[in-house]
């Protein structure tokens, strides 16, 4: 069997695989929490901590899995930020985005195969959602939810850039752990607010398969804005000439 010769295609496929692992791990954990919390099935789900840990570990594995080939973006918002920072070409960004979303949809289908009961009902195959109805417990509204996703995506994206892409990074081979740990903290903070998607692909995969796309604007605009700000900040802090690549080696 021949290997993929085109470097960009190989990197894009690595992004698809990384996003698949990330979205599957995070979304399946949300579904498992809901499933095992149903009457007669143990009546006790994974809980906020369990879901946050699953999402964080899934991201850590996804980053380590893809970093040596693609740089380990596994997030369209991170790719967007690196594009603005001048560390990713437009051609590379488009290829990454296409395959990131393909990997996310494949993950949504895999979650559907395991938890078909949640395709048409909450938690909609693990789709991140915020409470939009005024007066409901934990209600945020679109503007506040957008703000939460923007700020938290900025935090995640700047950690990714500074630990995996900065030439003077201190984390070296621990960058994946740092990124995963950040995701766990974000999951704990945002679990009852927006679900802490901080990644358009994390939202889109299960949302597209379940058909629940009513909050797509928040989960695309917020992370992309946060990633953009992180990219600008990273560009200001990046203090060495470009090396010609985006691999977190």
C-alpha atoms as a PDB file:
ATOM      1  CA  UNK A   1       0.000   0.000   0.000  1.00  0.00           C
ATOM      2  CA  UNK A   2       1.383   3.390  -1.009  1.00  0.00           C
ATOM      3  CA  UNK A   3       1.638   6.286   1.407  1.00  0.00           C
ATOM      4  CA  UNK A   4       0.125   9.699   0.744  1.00  0.00           C
ATOM      5  CA  UNK A   5       2.849  11.593  -1.131  1.00  0.00           C
ATOM      6  CA  UNK A   6       1.404  15.113  -1.070  1.00  0.00           C
ATOM      7  CA  UNK A   7       2.581  16.778   2.184  1.00  0.00           C
ATOM      8  CA  UNK A   8      -0.457  19.056   2.413  1.00  0.00           C
ATOM      9  CA  UNK A   9      -2.888  16.181   1.886  1.00  0.00           C
ATOM     10  CA  UNK A  10      -1.034  14.108   4.467  1.00  0.00           C
ATOM     11  CA  UNK A  11      -1.230  16.967   6.965  1.00  0.00           C
ATOM     12  CA  UNK A  12      -4.917  17.567   6.226  1.00  0.00           C
ATOM     13  CA  UNK A  13      -5.688  13.883   6.760  1.00  0.00           C
ATOM     14  CA  UNK A  14      -3.832  14.028  10.078  1.00  0.00           C
ATOM     15  CA  UNK A  15      -6.040  16.961  11.059  1.00  0.00           C
ATOM     16  CA  UNK A  16      -9.154  14.971  10.138  1.00  0.00           C
ATOM     17  CA  UNK A  17      -7.990  12.057  12.274  1.00  0.00           C
ATOM     18  CA  UNK A  18      -7.100  14.315  15.185  1.00  0.00           C
ATOM     19  CA  UNK A  19     -10.439  16.113  15.064  1.00  0.00           C
ATOM     20  CA  UNK A  20     -12.233  12.769  14.850  1.00  0.00           C
ATOM     21  CA  UNK A  21     -10.579  11.637  18.093  1.00  0.00           C
ATOM     22  CA  UNK A  22     -11.268  14.971  19.778  1.00  0.00           C
ATOM     23  CA  UNK A  23     -14.925  15.268  18.780  1.00  0.00           C
ATOM     24  CA  UNK A  24     -15.698  11.602  19.335  1.00  0.00           C
ATOM     25  CA  UNK A  25     -14.153  11.606  22.804  1.00  0.00           C
ATOM     26  CA  UNK A  26     -15.860  14.801  23.905  1.00  0.00           C
ATOM     27  CA  UNK A  27     -19.282  14.142  22.394  1.00  0.00           C
ATOM     28  CA  UNK A  28     -19.418  10.476  23.410  1.00  0.00           C
ATOM     29  CA  UNK A  29     -18.585  11.446  27.000  1.00  0.00           C
ATOM     30  CA  UNK A  30     -21.521  13.867  27.058  1.00  0.00           C
ATOM     31  CA  UNK A  31     -23.815  11.144  25.722  1.00  0.00           C
ATOM     32  CA  UNK A  32     -22.462   8.576  28.181  1.00  0.00           C
ATOM     33  CA  UNK A  33     -23.126  11.009  31.022  1.00  0.00           C
ATOM     34  CA  UNK A  34     -26.742  11.400  29.897  1.00  0.00           C
ATOM     35  CA  UNK A  35     -27.198   7.699  29.125  1.00  0.00           C
ATOM     36  CA  UNK A  36     -25.905   6.346  32.422  1.00  0.00           C
ATOM     37  CA  UNK A  37     -27.903   8.960  34.271  1.00  0.00           C
ATOM     38  CA  UNK A  38     -31.173   7.593  32.866  1.00  0.00           C
ATOM     39  CA  UNK A  39     -33.488   5.684  35.228  1.00  0.00           C
ATOM     40  CA  UNK A  40     -32.636   2.013  35.344  1.00  0.00           C
ATOM     41  CA  UNK A  41     -29.141   2.488  33.948  1.00  0.00           C
ATOM     42  CA  UNK A  42     -27.316   3.290  37.136  1.00  0.00           C
ATOM     43  CA  UNK A  43     -28.966   6.674  37.703  1.00  0.00           C
ATOM     44  CA  UNK A  44     -25.517   8.253  37.891  1.00  0.00           C
ATOM     45  CA  UNK A  45     -23.710   9.793  34.945  1.00  0.00           C
ATOM     46  CA  UNK A  46     -20.084  10.794  34.576  1.00  0.00           C
ATOM     47  CA  UNK A  47     -20.671  14.213  36.090  1.00  0.00           C
ATOM     48  CA  UNK A  48     -19.124  17.535  35.119  1.00  0.00           C
ATOM     49  CA  UNK A  49     -15.633  16.439  36.162  1.00  0.00           C
ATOM     50  CA  UNK A  50     -15.839  13.182  34.230  1.00  0.00           C
ATOM     51  CA  UNK A  51     -16.995  14.889  31.041  1.00  0.00           C
ATOM     52  CA  UNK A  52     -14.342  17.606  31.380  1.00  0.00           C
ATOM     53  CA  UNK A  53     -11.590  15.037  31.901  1.00  0.00           C
ATOM     54  CA  UNK A  54     -12.757  13.008  28.912  1.00  0.00           C
ATOM     55  CA  UNK A  55     -12.758  16.084  26.699  1.00  0.00           C
ATOM     56  CA  UNK A  56      -9.346  17.197  27.921  1.00  0.00           C
ATOM     57  CA  UNK A  57      -7.743  13.801  27.456  1.00  0.00           C
ATOM     58  CA  UNK A  58      -9.331  13.466  24.012  1.00  0.00           C
ATOM     59  CA  UNK A  59      -7.779  16.789  23.000  1.00  0.00           C
ATOM     60  CA  UNK A  60      -4.397  15.797  24.410  1.00  0.00           C
ATOM     61  CA  UNK A  61      -4.402  12.539  22.450  1.00  0.00           C
ATOM     62  CA  UNK A  62      -5.598  14.318  19.294  1.00  0.00           C
ATOM     63  CA  UNK A  63      -2.782  16.869  19.522  1.00  0.00           C
ATOM     64  CA  UNK A  64      -0.049  14.304  20.090  1.00  0.00           C
ATOM     65  CA  UNK A  65      -1.509  12.110  17.347  1.00  0.00           C
ATOM     66  CA  UNK A  66      -1.398  14.804  14.678  1.00  0.00           C
ATOM     67  CA  UNK A  67       1.321  17.241  15.796  1.00  0.00           C
ATOM     68  CA  UNK A  68       4.222  15.531  14.056  1.00  0.00           C
ATOM     69  CA  UNK A  69       2.438  15.642  10.698  1.00  0.00           C
ATOM     70  CA  UNK A  70       0.178  18.689  10.678  1.00  0.00           C
ATOM     71  CA  UNK A  71       1.215  20.708  13.710  1.00  0.00           C
ATOM     72  CA  UNK A  72      -1.770  19.493  15.723  1.00  0.00           C
ATOM     73  CA  UNK A  73      -4.199  22.360  15.171  1.00  0.00           C
ATOM     74  CA  UNK A  74      -7.319  20.107  15.443  1.00  0.00           C
ATOM     75  CA  UNK A  75      -9.412  23.273  15.717  1.00  0.00           C
ATOM     76  CA  UNK A  76     -10.518  25.636  12.918  1.00  0.00           C
ATOM     77  CA  UNK A  77     -10.199  28.553  15.348  1.00  0.00           C
ATOM     78  CA  UNK A  78      -6.553  27.709  16.063  1.00  0.00           C
ATOM     79  CA  UNK A  79      -5.895  27.397  12.335  1.00  0.00           C
ATOM     80  CA  UNK A  80      -7.522  30.804  11.800  1.00  0.00           C
ATOM     81  CA  UNK A  81      -5.375  32.357  14.514  1.00  0.00           C
ATOM     82  CA  UNK A  82      -2.182  30.879  13.065  1.00  0.00           C
ATOM     83  CA  UNK A  83      -3.231  32.143   9.634  1.00  0.00           C
ATOM     84  CA  UNK A  84      -3.520  35.682  11.012  1.00  0.00           C
ATOM     85  CA  UNK A  85      -0.216  35.235  12.835  1.00  0.00           C
ATOM     86  CA  UNK A  86       1.492  34.366   9.560  1.00  0.00           C
ATOM     87  CA  UNK A  87       2.323  30.823  10.664  1.00  0.00           C
ATOM     88  CA  UNK A  88      -0.087  29.105   8.279  1.00  0.00           C
ATOM     89  CA  UNK A  89      -0.646  29.759   4.566  1.00  0.00           C
ATOM     90  CA  UNK A  90      -4.093  30.402   3.113  1.00  0.00           C
ATOM     91  CA  UNK A  91      -3.906  27.187   1.083  1.00  0.00           C
ATOM     92  CA  UNK A  92      -2.969  25.190   4.149  1.00  0.00           C
ATOM     93  CA  UNK A  93      -5.737  26.789   6.218  1.00  0.00           C
ATOM     94  CA  UNK A  94      -8.437  25.963   3.662  1.00  0.00           C
ATOM     95  CA  UNK A  95      -7.270  22.351   3.383  1.00  0.00           C
ATOM     96  CA  UNK A  96      -7.174  22.013   7.162  1.00  0.00           C
ATOM     97  CA  UNK A  97     -10.662  23.492   7.574  1.00  0.00           C
ATOM     98  CA  UNK A  98     -12.199  21.131   5.027  1.00  0.00           C
ATOM     99  CA  UNK A  99     -10.702  18.041   6.622  1.00  0.00           C
ATOM    100  CA  UNK A 100     -11.274  19.225  10.183  1.00  0.00           C
ATOM    101  CA  UNK A 101     -15.001  19.459   9.512  1.00  0.00           C
ATOM    102  CA  UNK A 102     -15.025  16.137   7.662  1.00  0.00           C
ATOM    103  CA  UNK A 103     -13.379  14.501  10.665  1.00  0.00           C
ATOM    104  CA  UNK A 104     -15.926  16.137  12.961  1.00  0.00           C
ATOM    105  CA  UNK A 105     -18.881  14.844  10.943  1.00  0.00           C
ATOM    106  CA  UNK A 106     -17.369  11.350  10.893  1.00  0.00           C
ATOM    107  CA  UNK A 107     -17.109  11.538  14.683  1.00  0.00           C
ATOM    108  CA  UNK A 108     -20.735  12.647  14.918  1.00  0.00           C
ATOM    109  CA  UNK A 109     -21.770   9.618  12.883  1.00  0.00           C
ATOM    110  CA  UNK A 110     -19.723   7.332  15.150  1.00  0.00           C
ATOM    111  CA  UNK A 111     -21.393   8.776  18.254  1.00  0.00           C
ATOM    112  CA  UNK A 112     -24.801   8.297  16.601  1.00  0.00           C
ATOM    113  CA  UNK A 113     -23.969   4.627  15.996  1.00  0.00           C
ATOM    114  CA  UNK A 114     -23.262   4.135  19.710  1.00  0.00           C
ATOM    115  CA  UNK A 115     -25.974   6.401  21.156  1.00  0.00           C
ATOM    116  CA  UNK A 116     -28.776   6.490  18.531  1.00  0.00           C
ATOM    117  CA  UNK A 117     -31.314   7.449  21.203  1.00  0.00           C
ATOM    118  CA  UNK A 118     -29.804  10.949  21.385  1.00  0.00           C
ATOM    119  CA  UNK A 119     -30.003  11.867  17.713  1.00  0.00           C
ATOM    120  CA  UNK A 120     -33.333  13.667  18.035  1.00  0.00           C
ATOM    121  CA  UNK A 121     -33.306  14.550  21.704  1.00  0.00           C
ATOM    122  CA  UNK A 122     -30.951  16.129  24.254  1.00  0.00           C
ATOM    123  CA  UNK A 123     -27.995  16.028  24.391  1.00  0.00           C
ATOM    124  CA  UNK A 124     -28.210  15.730  20.592  1.00  0.00           C
ATOM    125  CA  UNK A 125     -25.199  13.431  20.214  1.00  0.00           C
ATOM    126  CA  UNK A 126     -23.149  15.632  22.514  1.00  0.00           C
ATOM    127  CA  UNK A 127     -23.769  18.930  20.728  1.00  0.00           C
ATOM    128  CA  UNK A 128     -22.645  21.840  22.957  1.00  0.00           C
ATOM    129  CA  UNK A 129     -25.573  24.133  23.742  1.00  0.00           C
ATOM    130  CA  UNK A 130     -26.335  27.124  25.922  1.00  0.00           C
ATOM    131  CA  UNK A 131     -29.650  27.821  27.666  1.00  0.00           C
ATOM    132  CA  UNK A 132     -31.273  30.582  25.633  1.00  0.00           C
ATOM    133  CA  UNK A 133     -34.709  30.858  27.236  1.00  0.00           C
ATOM    134  CA  UNK A 134     -34.939  33.801  29.640  1.00  0.00           C
ATOM    135  CA  UNK A 135     -35.948  32.756  33.134  1.00  0.00           C
ATOM    136  CA  UNK A 136     -34.542  29.242  32.801  1.00  0.00           C
ATOM    137  CA  UNK A 137     -31.778  28.189  35.227  1.00  0.00           C
ATOM    138  CA  UNK A 138     -28.401  29.035  33.742  1.00  0.00           C
ATOM    139  CA  UNK A 139     -29.867  31.091  30.911  1.00  0.00           C
ATOM    140  CA  UNK A 140     -27.217  33.142  29.108  1.00  0.00           C
ATOM    141  CA  UNK A 141     -28.641  34.481  25.897  1.00  0.00           C
ATOM    142  CA  UNK A 142     -26.754  34.690  22.620  1.00  0.00           C
ATOM    143  CA  UNK A 143     -24.526  37.674  23.406  1.00  0.00           C
ATOM    144  CA  UNK A 144     -23.254  36.297  26.726  1.00  0.00           C
ATOM    145  CA  UNK A 145     -22.783  32.828  25.244  1.00  0.00           C
ATOM    146  CA  UNK A 146     -20.808  34.382  22.401  1.00  0.00           C
ATOM    147  CA  UNK A 147     -18.647  36.184  24.943  1.00  0.00           C
ATOM    148  CA  UNK A 148     -17.993  33.009  26.929  1.00  0.00           C
ATOM    149  CA  UNK A 149     -16.924  31.086  23.825  1.00  0.00           C
ATOM    150  CA  UNK A 150     -14.751  33.969  22.635  1.00  0.00           C
ATOM    151  CA  UNK A 151     -12.859  34.374  25.906  1.00  0.00           C
ATOM    152  CA  UNK A 152     -12.387  30.666  26.544  1.00  0.00           C
ATOM    153  CA  UNK A 153     -11.283  30.004  22.961  1.00  0.00           C
ATOM    154  CA  UNK A 154      -8.731  32.783  23.288  1.00  0.00           C
ATOM    155  CA  UNK A 155      -7.354  31.079  26.402  1.00  0.00           C
ATOM    156  CA  UNK A 156      -7.118  27.685  24.709  1.00  0.00           C
ATOM    157  CA  UNK A 157      -5.729  29.040  21.437  1.00  0.00           C
ATOM    158  CA  UNK A 158      -3.013  31.147  23.046  1.00  0.00           C
ATOM    159  CA  UNK A 159      -1.950  28.155  25.159  1.00  0.00           C
ATOM    160  CA  UNK A 160      -1.763  26.043  21.984  1.00  0.00           C
ATOM    161  CA  UNK A 161       0.290  28.661  20.158  1.00  0.00           C
ATOM    162  CA  UNK A 162       2.679  29.471  22.996  1.00  0.00           C
ATOM    163  CA  UNK A 163       3.345  25.860  24.021  1.00  0.00           C
ATOM    164  CA  UNK A 164       3.346  24.142  20.627  1.00  0.00           C
ATOM    165  CA  UNK A 165       4.412  26.776  18.097  1.00  0.00           C
ATOM    166  CA  UNK A 166       6.609  29.362  19.821  1.00  0.00           C
ATOM    167  CA  UNK A 167      10.344  28.770  19.157  1.00  0.00           C
ATOM    168  CA  UNK A 168      11.218  29.487  22.796  1.00  0.00           C
ATOM    169  CA  UNK A 169       8.445  27.338  24.225  1.00  0.00           C
ATOM    170  CA  UNK A 170       9.235  25.878  27.624  1.00  0.00           C
ATOM    171  CA  UNK A 171       6.739  23.006  27.397  1.00  0.00           C
ATOM    172  CA  UNK A 172       8.625  21.141  24.625  1.00  0.00           C
ATOM    173  CA  UNK A 173       7.190  17.605  24.600  1.00  0.00           C
ATOM    174  CA  UNK A 174       4.686  18.443  27.337  1.00  0.00           C
ATOM    175  CA  UNK A 175       2.759  20.805  25.078  1.00  0.00           C
ATOM    176  CA  UNK A 176      -0.021  18.261  24.542  1.00  0.00           C
ATOM    177  CA  UNK A 177      -0.479  17.805  28.272  1.00  0.00           C
ATOM    178  CA  UNK A 178      -0.629  21.582  28.794  1.00  0.00           C
ATOM    179  CA  UNK A 179      -3.252  21.918  26.064  1.00  0.00           C
ATOM    180  CA  UNK A 180      -5.327  19.033  27.430  1.00  0.00           C
ATOM    181  CA  UNK A 181      -5.140  20.403  30.972  1.00  0.00           C
ATOM    182  CA  UNK A 182      -6.345  23.778  29.715  1.00  0.00           C
ATOM    183  CA  UNK A 183      -9.291  22.059  28.044  1.00  0.00           C
ATOM    184  CA  UNK A 184     -10.197  20.332  31.321  1.00  0.00           C
ATOM    185  CA  UNK A 185     -10.242  23.676  33.149  1.00  0.00           C
ATOM    186  CA  UNK A 186     -12.365  25.204  30.385  1.00  0.00           C
ATOM    187  CA  UNK A 187     -14.749  22.256  30.568  1.00  0.00           C
ATOM    188  CA  UNK A 188     -15.175  22.717  34.305  1.00  0.00           C
ATOM    189  CA  UNK A 189     -15.760  26.459  33.929  1.00  0.00           C
ATOM    190  CA  UNK A 190     -18.179  26.347  31.009  1.00  0.00           C
ATOM    191  CA  UNK A 191     -19.985  23.042  31.531  1.00  0.00           C
ATOM    192  CA  UNK A 192     -23.219  24.682  32.663  1.00  0.00           C
ATOM    193  CA  UNK A 193     -22.864  27.762  30.452  1.00  0.00           C
ATOM    194  CA  UNK A 194     -21.982  26.858  26.861  1.00  0.00           C
ATOM    195  CA  UNK A 195     -20.471  23.415  27.265  1.00  0.00           C
ATOM    196  CA  UNK A 196     -17.060  24.883  26.486  1.00  0.00           C
ATOM    197  CA  UNK A 197     -16.931  23.899  22.823  1.00  0.00           C
ATOM    198  CA  UNK A 198     -14.185  26.459  22.008  1.00  0.00           C
ATOM    199  CA  UNK A 199     -13.932  24.763  18.625  1.00  0.00           C
ATOM    200  CA  UNK A 200     -16.327  25.110  15.645  1.00  0.00           C
ATOM    201  CA  UNK A 201     -15.629  21.510  14.624  1.00  0.00           C
ATOM    202  CA  UNK A 202     -16.517  20.230  18.105  1.00  0.00           C
ATOM    203  CA  UNK A 203     -19.935  21.827  17.671  1.00  0.00           C
ATOM    204  CA  UNK A 204     -20.464  21.073  13.993  1.00  0.00           C
ATOM    205  CA  UNK A 205     -19.834  17.316  14.010  1.00  0.00           C
ATOM    206  CA  UNK A 206     -22.620  16.200  16.358  1.00  0.00           C
ATOM    207  CA  UNK A 207     -24.839  19.159  15.406  1.00  0.00           C
ATOM    208  CA  UNK A 208     -24.800  18.280  11.702  1.00  0.00           C
ATOM    209  CA  UNK A 209     -25.613  14.625  12.344  1.00  0.00           C
ATOM    210  CA  UNK A 210     -28.309  15.321  14.956  1.00  0.00           C
ATOM    211  CA  UNK A 211     -29.834  18.196  12.995  1.00  0.00           C
ATOM    212  CA  UNK A 212     -29.610  20.564  15.981  1.00  0.00           C
ATOM    213  CA  UNK A 213     -27.866  23.562  14.417  1.00  0.00           C
ATOM    214  CA  UNK A 214     -29.946  26.377  15.915  1.00  0.00           C
ATOM    215  CA  UNK A 215     -26.977  27.829  17.833  1.00  0.00           C
ATOM    216  CA  UNK A 216     -24.395  27.503  15.082  1.00  0.00           C
ATOM    217  CA  UNK A 217     -23.667  31.253  14.940  1.00  0.00           C
ATOM    218  CA  UNK A 218     -22.441  31.395  18.539  1.00  0.00           C
ATOM    219  CA  UNK A 219     -20.271  28.294  18.254  1.00  0.00           C
ATOM    220  CA  UNK A 220     -18.654  29.480  15.036  1.00  0.00           C
ATOM    221  CA  UNK A 221     -18.334  33.235  15.600  1.00  0.00           C
ATOM    222  CA  UNK A 222     -17.186  33.028  19.228  1.00  0.00           C
ATOM    223  CA  UNK A 223     -14.318  30.566  18.713  1.00  0.00           C
ATOM    224  CA  UNK A 224     -13.176  32.194  15.469  1.00  0.00           C
ATOM    225  CA  UNK A 225     -13.074  35.592  17.172  1.00  0.00           C
ATOM    226  CA  UNK A 226     -11.173  34.157  20.133  1.00  0.00           C
ATOM    227  CA  UNK A 227      -8.752  32.395  17.808  1.00  0.00           C
ATOM    228  CA  UNK A 228      -8.214  35.605  15.848  1.00  0.00           C
ATOM    229  CA  UNK A 229      -7.337  37.585  18.974  1.00  0.00           C
ATOM    230  CA  UNK A 230      -4.976  34.807  20.080  1.00  0.00           C
ATOM    231  CA  UNK A 231      -3.305  34.878  16.671  1.00  0.00           C
ATOM    232  CA  UNK A 232      -2.749  38.635  16.885  1.00  0.00           C
ATOM    233  CA  UNK A 233      -1.322  38.362  20.408  1.00  0.00           C
ATOM    234  CA  UNK A 234       0.888  35.459  19.354  1.00  0.00           C
ATOM    235  CA  UNK A 235       2.225  37.455  16.426  1.00  0.00           C
ATOM    236  CA  UNK A 236       3.201  40.251  18.810  1.00  0.00           C
ATOM    237  CA  UNK A 237       5.007  37.798  21.098  1.00  0.00           C
ATOM    238  CA  UNK A 238       6.676  35.680  18.414  1.00  0.00           C
ATOM    239  CA  UNK A 239      10.270  36.881  18.565  1.00  0.00           C
ATOM    240  CA  UNK A 240      12.190  34.784  16.055  1.00  0.00           C
ATOM    241  CA  UNK A 241      12.205  34.552  12.232  1.00  0.00           C
ATOM    242  CA  UNK A 242       9.827  32.063  10.680  1.00  0.00           C
ATOM    243  CA  UNK A 243      11.245  28.582  10.298  1.00  0.00           C
ATOM    244  CA  UNK A 244       8.981  27.689   7.375  1.00  0.00           C
ATOM    245  CA  UNK A 245       6.705  25.220   9.107  1.00  0.00           C
ATOM    246  CA  UNK A 246       4.015  24.813  11.705  1.00  0.00           C
ATOM    247  CA  UNK A 247       4.948  21.429  13.110  1.00  0.00           C
ATOM    248  CA  UNK A 248       5.096  21.187  16.887  1.00  0.00           C
ATOM    249  CA  UNK A 249       8.191  19.009  16.866  1.00  0.00           C
END
